[in-house]
Amino acid sequence: MNSTDVVALFGDDKILSFDLELTRDEKLRHLGALLADRELNLKGPQDLSLKELNALAQEADVVLGHNITRKRVFV
């Protein structure tokens, strides 16, 4: 899927794209996220990083993620 396909599929929806990098025991090591012109690039405490991601997600129409685990991510 290329960027043209994504635009055709979602139109003007606000798309939050994020990636979680986890340790082997599923602790958050790094979080990156984009929503329009806003960006998160966090390596801080897991709870604070997830709160910031959750706040950004509240503004999104669509959420796309990588390394989403079965555990609850959004608080």
PDB file of N, CA and C in Angstrom:
ATOM      1  N   MET A   1       0.850  -1.170   0.000  1.00  0.00           N
ATOM      2  CA  MET A   1       0.000   0.000   0.000  1.00  0.00           C
ATOM      3  C   MET A   1       0.895   1.232   0.000  1.00  0.00           C
ATOM      4  N   ASN A   2       0.654   2.148  -0.902  1.00  0.00           N
ATOM      5  CA  ASN A   2       1.435   3.383  -0.933  1.00  0.00           C
ATOM      6  C   ASN A   2       0.615   4.539  -0.360  1.00  0.00           C
ATOM      7  N   SER A   3       1.232   5.713  -0.281  1.00  0.00           N
ATOM      8  CA  SER A   3       0.557   6.855   0.360  1.00  0.00           C
ATOM      9  C   SER A   3      -0.710   7.264  -0.373  1.00  0.00           C
ATOM     10  N   THR A   4      -0.751   7.102  -1.686  1.00  0.00           N
ATOM     11  CA  THR A   4      -1.958   7.427  -2.446  1.00  0.00           C
ATOM     12  C   THR A   4      -3.104   6.510  -2.051  1.00  0.00           C
ATOM     13  N   ASP A   5      -2.803   5.231  -1.856  1.00  0.00           N
ATOM     14  CA  ASP A   5      -3.821   4.276  -1.421  1.00  0.00           C
ATOM     15  C   ASP A   5      -4.366   4.651  -0.050  1.00  0.00           C
ATOM     16  N   VAL A   6      -3.483   5.068   0.852  1.00  0.00           N
ATOM     17  CA  VAL A   6      -3.905   5.441   2.203  1.00  0.00           C
ATOM     18  C   VAL A   6      -4.830   6.638   2.155  1.00  0.00           C
ATOM     19  N   VAL A   7      -4.480   7.654   1.362  1.00  0.00           N
ATOM     20  CA  VAL A   7      -5.323   8.848   1.242  1.00  0.00           C
ATOM     21  C   VAL A   7      -6.673   8.468   0.652  1.00  0.00           C
ATOM     22  N   ALA A   8      -6.690   7.615  -0.356  1.00  0.00           N
ATOM     23  CA  ALA A   8      -7.957   7.194  -0.968  1.00  0.00           C
ATOM     24  C   ALA A   8      -8.818   6.434   0.034  1.00  0.00           C
ATOM     25  N   LEU A   9      -8.197   5.638   0.875  1.00  0.00           N
ATOM     26  CA  LEU A   9      -8.927   4.828   1.842  1.00  0.00           C
ATOM     27  C   LEU A   9      -9.477   5.660   2.991  1.00  0.00           C
ATOM     28  N   PHE A  10      -8.668   6.580   3.521  1.00  0.00           N
ATOM     29  CA  PHE A  10      -9.048   7.318   4.726  1.00  0.00           C
ATOM     30  C   PHE A  10      -9.439   8.772   4.477  1.00  0.00           C
ATOM     31  N   GLY A  11      -9.208   9.301   3.294  1.00  0.00           N
ATOM     32  CA  GLY A  11      -9.593  10.670   2.992  1.00  0.00           C
ATOM     33  C   GLY A  11      -8.962  11.676   3.935  1.00  0.00           C
ATOM     34  N   ASP A  12      -9.796  12.524   4.532  1.00  0.00           N
ATOM     35  CA  ASP A  12      -9.311  13.576   5.409  1.00  0.00           C
ATOM     36  C   ASP A  12      -9.258  13.162   6.876  1.00  0.00           C
ATOM     37  N   ASP A  13      -9.440  11.882   7.159  1.00  0.00           N
ATOM     38  CA  ASP A  13      -9.376  11.421   8.547  1.00  0.00           C
ATOM     39  C   ASP A  13      -8.011  11.728   9.144  1.00  0.00           C
ATOM     40  N   LYS A  14      -8.020  12.040  10.429  1.00  0.00           N
ATOM     41  CA  LYS A  14      -6.764  12.260  11.142  1.00  0.00           C
ATOM     42  C   LYS A  14      -6.234  10.892  11.567  1.00  0.00           C
ATOM     43  N   ILE A  15      -5.080  10.514  10.998  1.00  0.00           N
ATOM     44  CA  ILE A  15      -4.512   9.192  11.229  1.00  0.00           C
ATOM     45  C   ILE A  15      -3.340   9.295  12.200  1.00  0.00           C
ATOM     46  N   LEU A  16      -3.450   8.575  13.311  1.00  0.00           N
ATOM     47  CA  LEU A  16      -2.341   8.462  14.251  1.00  0.00           C
ATOM     48  C   LEU A  16      -1.592   7.179  13.915  1.00  0.00           C
ATOM     49  N   SER A  17      -0.321   7.307  13.627  1.00  0.00           N
ATOM     50  CA  SER A  17       0.531   6.158  13.360  1.00  0.00           C
ATOM     51  C   SER A  17       1.566   6.079  14.476  1.00  0.00           C
ATOM     52  N   PHE A  18       1.700   4.884  15.064  1.00  0.00           N
ATOM     53  CA  PHE A  18       2.678   4.777  16.150  1.00  0.00           C
ATOM     54  C   PHE A  18       3.411   3.450  16.116  1.00  0.00           C
ATOM     55  N   ASP A  19       4.570   3.447  16.763  1.00  0.00           N
ATOM     56  CA  ASP A  19       5.404   2.254  16.863  1.00  0.00           C
ATOM     57  C   ASP A  19       5.897   2.143  18.297  1.00  0.00           C
ATOM     58  N   LEU A  20       5.719   0.985  18.867  1.00  0.00           N
ATOM     59  CA  LEU A  20       6.226   0.696  20.206  1.00  0.00           C
ATOM     60  C   LEU A  20       7.412  -0.238  20.076  1.00  0.00           C
ATOM     61  N   GLU A  21       8.517   0.117  20.688  1.00  0.00           N
ATOM     62  CA  GLU A  21       9.666  -0.780  20.771  1.00  0.00           C
ATOM     63  C   GLU A  21       9.708  -1.302  22.192  1.00  0.00           C
ATOM     64  N   LEU A  22       9.625  -2.613  22.324  1.00  0.00           N
ATOM     65  CA  LEU A  22       9.513  -3.244  23.635  1.00  0.00           C
ATOM     66  C   LEU A  22      10.748  -4.075  23.946  1.00  0.00           C
ATOM     67  N   THR A  23      11.016  -4.245  25.232  1.00  0.00           N
ATOM     68  CA  THR A  23      12.057  -5.155  25.669  1.00  0.00           C
ATOM     69  C   THR A  23      11.504  -6.575  25.586  1.00  0.00           C
ATOM     70  N   ARG A  24      12.344  -7.557  25.831  1.00  0.00           N
ATOM     71  CA  ARG A  24      11.882  -8.957  25.771  1.00  0.00           C
ATOM     72  C   ARG A  24      10.778  -9.252  26.786  1.00  0.00           C
ATOM     73  N   ASP A  25      10.782  -8.537  27.902  1.00  0.00           N
ATOM     74  CA  ASP A  25       9.732  -8.751  28.904  1.00  0.00           C
ATOM     75  C   ASP A  25       8.576  -7.759  28.733  1.00  0.00           C
ATOM     76  N   GLU A  26       8.449  -7.195  27.517  1.00  0.00           N
ATOM     77  CA  GLU A  26       7.346  -6.329  27.109  1.00  0.00           C
ATOM     78  C   GLU A  26       7.254  -5.019  27.873  1.00  0.00           C
ATOM     79  N   LYS A  27       8.378  -4.509  28.311  1.00  0.00           N
ATOM     80  CA  LYS A  27       8.433  -3.156  28.883  1.00  0.00           C
ATOM     81  C   LYS A  27       8.723  -2.185  27.729  1.00  0.00           C
ATOM     82  N   LEU A  28       8.124  -1.023  27.796  1.00  0.00           N
ATOM     83  CA  LEU A  28       8.305  -0.033  26.746  1.00  0.00           C
ATOM     84  C   LEU A  28       9.732   0.518  26.782  1.00  0.00           C
ATOM     85  N   ARG A  29      10.403   0.433  25.640  1.00  0.00           N
ATOM     86  CA  ARG A  29      11.757   0.970  25.517  1.00  0.00           C
ATOM     87  C   ARG A  29      11.735   2.301  24.768  1.00  0.00           C
ATOM     88  N   HIS A  30      10.899   2.382  23.729  1.00  0.00           N
ATOM     89  CA  HIS A  30      10.834   3.593  22.909  1.00  0.00           C
ATOM     90  C   HIS A  30       9.459   3.659  22.257  1.00  0.00           C
ATOM     91  N   LEU A  31       8.929   4.863  22.138  1.00  0.00           N
ATOM     92  CA  LEU A  31       7.625   5.089  21.525  1.00  0.00           C
ATOM     93  C   LEU A  31       7.765   6.218  20.518  1.00  0.00           C
ATOM     94  N   GLY A  32       7.307   5.981  19.314  1.00  0.00           N
ATOM     95  CA  GLY A  32       7.270   7.014  18.293  1.00  0.00           C
ATOM     96  C   GLY A  32       5.859   7.103  17.731  1.00  0.00           C
ATOM     97  N   ALA A  33       5.375   8.314  17.501  1.00  0.00           N
ATOM     98  CA  ALA A  33       4.022   8.491  16.983  1.00  0.00           C
ATOM     99  C   ALA A  33       3.935   9.766  16.153  1.00  0.00           C
ATOM    100  N   LEU A  34       3.050   9.736  15.141  1.00  0.00           N
ATOM    101  CA  LEU A  34       2.791  10.899  14.289  1.00  0.00           C
ATOM    102  C   LEU A  34       1.289  11.077  14.134  1.00  0.00           C
ATOM    103  N   LEU A  35       0.861  12.309  14.256  1.00  0.00           N
ATOM    104  CA  LEU A  35      -0.527  12.686  13.959  1.00  0.00           C
ATOM    105  C   LEU A  35      -0.472  14.062  13.319  1.00  0.00           C
ATOM    106  N   ALA A  36      -0.732  14.111  12.015  1.00  0.00           N
ATOM    107  CA  ALA A  36      -0.633  15.355  11.250  1.00  0.00           C
ATOM    108  C   ALA A  36       0.759  15.950  11.459  1.00  0.00           C
ATOM    109  N   ASP A  37       0.848  17.150  12.021  1.00  0.00           N
ATOM    110  CA  ASP A  37       2.156  17.778  12.211  1.00  0.00           C
ATOM    111  C   ASP A  37       2.704  17.579  13.626  1.00  0.00           C
ATOM    112  N   ARG A  38       2.062  16.732  14.408  1.00  0.00           N
ATOM    113  CA  ARG A  38       2.517  16.470  15.784  1.00  0.00           C
ATOM    114  C   ARG A  38       3.284  15.160  15.841  1.00  0.00           C
ATOM    115  N   GLU A  39       4.336  15.141  16.649  1.00  0.00           N
ATOM    116  CA  GLU A  39       5.201  13.967  16.741  1.00  0.00           C
ATOM    117  C   GLU A  39       5.558  13.682  18.193  1.00  0.00           C
ATOM    118  N   LEU A  40       5.563  12.408  18.542  1.00  0.00           N
ATOM    119  CA  LEU A  40       6.069  11.965  19.836  1.00  0.00           C
ATOM    120  C   LEU A  40       7.288  11.096  19.584  1.00  0.00           C
ATOM    121  N   ASN A  41       8.331  11.301  20.368  1.00  0.00           N
ATOM    122  CA  ASN A  41       9.541  10.499  20.295  1.00  0.00           C
ATOM    123  C   ASN A  41      10.012  10.357  21.738  1.00  0.00           C
ATOM    124  N   LEU A  42       9.533   9.309  22.412  1.00  0.00           N
ATOM    125  CA  LEU A  42       9.698   9.206  23.862  1.00  0.00           C
ATOM    126  C   LEU A  42      10.472   7.966  24.279  1.00  0.00           C
ATOM    127  N   LYS A  43      11.346   8.156  25.247  1.00  0.00           N
ATOM    128  CA  LYS A  43      12.074   7.047  25.855  1.00  0.00           C
ATOM    129  C   LYS A  43      11.935   7.101  27.366  1.00  0.00           C
ATOM    130  N   GLY A  44      11.018   7.921  27.830  1.00  0.00           N
ATOM    131  CA  GLY A  44      10.848   8.141  29.264  1.00  0.00           C
ATOM    132  C   GLY A  44      10.092   7.019  29.945  1.00  0.00           C
ATOM    133  N   PRO A  45       9.637   7.296  31.152  1.00  0.00           N
ATOM    134  CA  PRO A  45       8.884   6.287  31.916  1.00  0.00           C
ATOM    135  C   PRO A  45       7.670   5.785  31.128  1.00  0.00           C
ATOM    136  N   GLN A  46       7.405   4.487  31.229  1.00  0.00           N
ATOM    137  CA  GLN A  46       6.332   3.863  30.461  1.00  0.00           C
ATOM    138  C   GLN A  46       4.984   4.514  30.719  1.00  0.00           C
ATOM    139  N   ASP A  47       4.636   4.737  31.969  1.00  0.00           N
ATOM    140  CA  ASP A  47       3.316   5.295  32.274  1.00  0.00           C
ATOM    141  C   ASP A  47       3.133   6.672  31.647  1.00  0.00           C
ATOM    142  N   LEU A  48       4.141   7.525  31.751  1.00  0.00           N
ATOM    143  CA  LEU A  48       4.058   8.871  31.178  1.00  0.00           C
ATOM    144  C   LEU A  48       3.990   8.810  29.651  1.00  0.00           C
ATOM    145  N   SER A  49       4.794   7.955  29.048  1.00  0.00           N
ATOM    146  CA  SER A  49       4.797   7.824  27.588  1.00  0.00           C
ATOM    147  C   SER A  49       3.439   7.362  27.076  1.00  0.00           C
ATOM    148  N   LEU A  50       2.845   6.386  27.743  1.00  0.00           N
ATOM    149  CA  LEU A  50       1.543   5.889  27.309  1.00  0.00           C
ATOM    150  C   LEU A  50       0.438   6.920  27.522  1.00  0.00           C
ATOM    151  N   LYS A  51       0.544   7.719  28.564  1.00  0.00           N
ATOM    152  CA  LYS A  51      -0.439   8.795  28.771  1.00  0.00           C
ATOM    153  C   LYS A  51      -0.350   9.815  27.640  1.00  0.00           C
ATOM    154  N   GLU A  52       0.868  10.147  27.215  1.00  0.00           N
ATOM    155  CA  GLU A  52       1.028  11.097  26.114  1.00  0.00           C
ATOM    156  C   GLU A  52       0.489  10.515  24.805  1.00  0.00           C
ATOM    157  N   LEU A  53       0.738   9.229  24.556  1.00  0.00           N
ATOM    158  CA  LEU A  53       0.197   8.575  23.370  1.00  0.00           C
ATOM    159  C   LEU A  53      -1.330   8.550  23.429  1.00  0.00           C
ATOM    160  N   ASN A  54      -1.877   8.245  24.573  1.00  0.00           N
ATOM    161  CA  ASN A  54      -3.331   8.211  24.731  1.00  0.00           C
ATOM    162  C   ASN A  54      -3.942   9.588  24.472  1.00  0.00           C
ATOM    163  N   ALA A  55      -3.313  10.632  24.975  1.00  0.00           N
ATOM    164  CA  ALA A  55      -3.821  11.994  24.755  1.00  0.00           C
ATOM    165  C   ALA A  55      -3.823  12.320  23.261  1.00  0.00           C
ATOM    166  N   LEU A  56      -2.762  11.942  22.568  1.00  0.00           N
ATOM    167  CA  LEU A  56      -2.687  12.190  21.136  1.00  0.00           C
ATOM    168  C   LEU A  56      -3.748  11.363  20.395  1.00  0.00           C
ATOM    169  N   ALA A  57      -3.965  10.141  20.833  1.00  0.00           N
ATOM    170  CA  ALA A  57      -4.940   9.257  20.187  1.00  0.00           C
ATOM    171  C   ALA A  57      -6.360   9.799  20.290  1.00  0.00           C
ATOM    172  N   GLN A  58      -6.654  10.567  21.317  1.00  0.00           N
ATOM    173  CA  GLN A  58      -7.999  11.125  21.474  1.00  0.00           C
ATOM    174  C   GLN A  58      -8.359  12.062  20.330  1.00  0.00           C
ATOM    175  N   GLU A  59      -7.346  12.621  19.650  1.00  0.00           N
ATOM    176  CA  GLU A  59      -7.570  13.549  18.549  1.00  0.00           C
ATOM    177  C   GLU A  59      -7.640  12.848  17.196  1.00  0.00           C
ATOM    178  N   ALA A  60      -7.395  11.537  17.166  1.00  0.00           N
ATOM    179  CA  ALA A  60      -7.315  10.790  15.909  1.00  0.00           C
ATOM    180  C   ALA A  60      -8.660  10.175  15.524  1.00  0.00           C
ATOM    181  N   ASP A  61      -8.874  10.062  14.216  1.00  0.00           N
ATOM    182  CA  ASP A  61     -10.023   9.343  13.687  1.00  0.00           C
ATOM    183  C   ASP A  61      -9.676   7.867  13.465  1.00  0.00           C
ATOM    184  N   VAL A  62      -8.406   7.624  13.130  1.00  0.00           N
ATOM    185  CA  VAL A  62      -7.917   6.290  12.828  1.00  0.00           C
ATOM    186  C   VAL A  62      -6.587   6.101  13.552  1.00  0.00           C
ATOM    187  N   VAL A  63      -6.394   4.917  14.124  1.00  0.00           N
ATOM    188  CA  VAL A  63      -5.140   4.608  14.822  1.00  0.00           C
ATOM    189  C   VAL A  63      -4.500   3.396  14.149  1.00  0.00           C
ATOM    190  N   LEU A  64      -3.249   3.574  13.714  1.00  0.00           N
ATOM    191  CA  LEU A  64      -2.465   2.493  13.117  1.00  0.00           C
ATOM    192  C   LEU A  64      -1.253   2.273  13.998  1.00  0.00           C
ATOM    193  N   GLY A  65      -1.007   1.030  14.384  1.00  0.00           N
ATOM    194  CA  GLY A  65       0.106   0.787  15.289  1.00  0.00           C
ATOM    195  C   GLY A  65       0.932  -0.414  14.906  1.00  0.00           C
ATOM    196  N   HIS A  66       2.142  -0.431  15.438  1.00  0.00           N
ATOM    197  CA  HIS A  66       3.076  -1.530  15.241  1.00  0.00           C
ATOM    198  C   HIS A  66       3.536  -2.007  16.607  1.00  0.00           C
ATOM    199  N   ASN A  67       3.626  -3.317  16.770  1.00  0.00           N
ATOM    200  CA  ASN A  67       4.003  -3.935  18.048  1.00  0.00           C
ATOM    201  C   ASN A  67       2.941  -3.736  19.117  1.00  0.00           C
ATOM    202  N   ILE A  68       1.693  -3.783  18.695  1.00  0.00           N
ATOM    203  CA  ILE A  68       0.600  -3.712  19.657  1.00  0.00           C
ATOM    204  C   ILE A  68       0.512  -5.079  20.326  1.00  0.00           C
ATOM    205  N   THR A  69       0.510  -5.087  21.635  1.00  0.00           N
ATOM    206  CA  THR A  69       0.453  -6.345  22.362  1.00  0.00           C
ATOM    207  C   THR A  69      -0.975  -6.630  22.796  1.00  0.00           C
ATOM    208  N   ARG A  70      -1.182  -7.789  23.344  1.00  0.00           N
ATOM    209  CA  ARG A  70      -2.515  -8.152  23.827  1.00  0.00           C
ATOM    210  C   ARG A  70      -2.871  -7.418  25.109  1.00  0.00           C
ATOM    211  N   LYS A  71      -1.876  -6.888  25.774  1.00  0.00           N
ATOM    212  CA  LYS A  71      -2.149  -6.136  26.992  1.00  0.00           C
ATOM    213  C   LYS A  71      -2.779  -4.802  26.606  1.00  0.00           C
ATOM    214  N   ARG A  72      -3.491  -4.243  27.519  1.00  0.00           N
ATOM    215  CA  ARG A  72      -4.117  -2.948  27.290  1.00  0.00           C
ATOM    216  C   ARG A  72      -3.039  -1.878  27.197  1.00  0.00           C
ATOM    217  N   VAL A  73      -2.988  -1.167  26.086  1.00  0.00           N
ATOM    218  CA  VAL A  73      -1.963  -0.145  25.859  1.00  0.00           C
ATOM    219  C   VAL A  73      -2.457   1.218  26.290  1.00  0.00           C
ATOM    220  N   PHE A  74      -3.696   1.560  25.911  1.00  0.00           N
ATOM    221  CA  PHE A  74      -4.217   2.888  26.210  1.00  0.00           C
ATOM    222  C   PHE A  74      -4.820   2.902  27.606  1.00  0.00           C
ATOM    223  N   VAL A  75      -4.529   3.944  28.353  1.00  0.00           N
ATOM    224  CA  VAL A  75      -5.026   4.072  29.718  1.00  0.00           C
ATOM    225  C   VAL A  75      -6.134   5.091  29.789  1.00  0.00           C
TER     226      VAL A  75
END
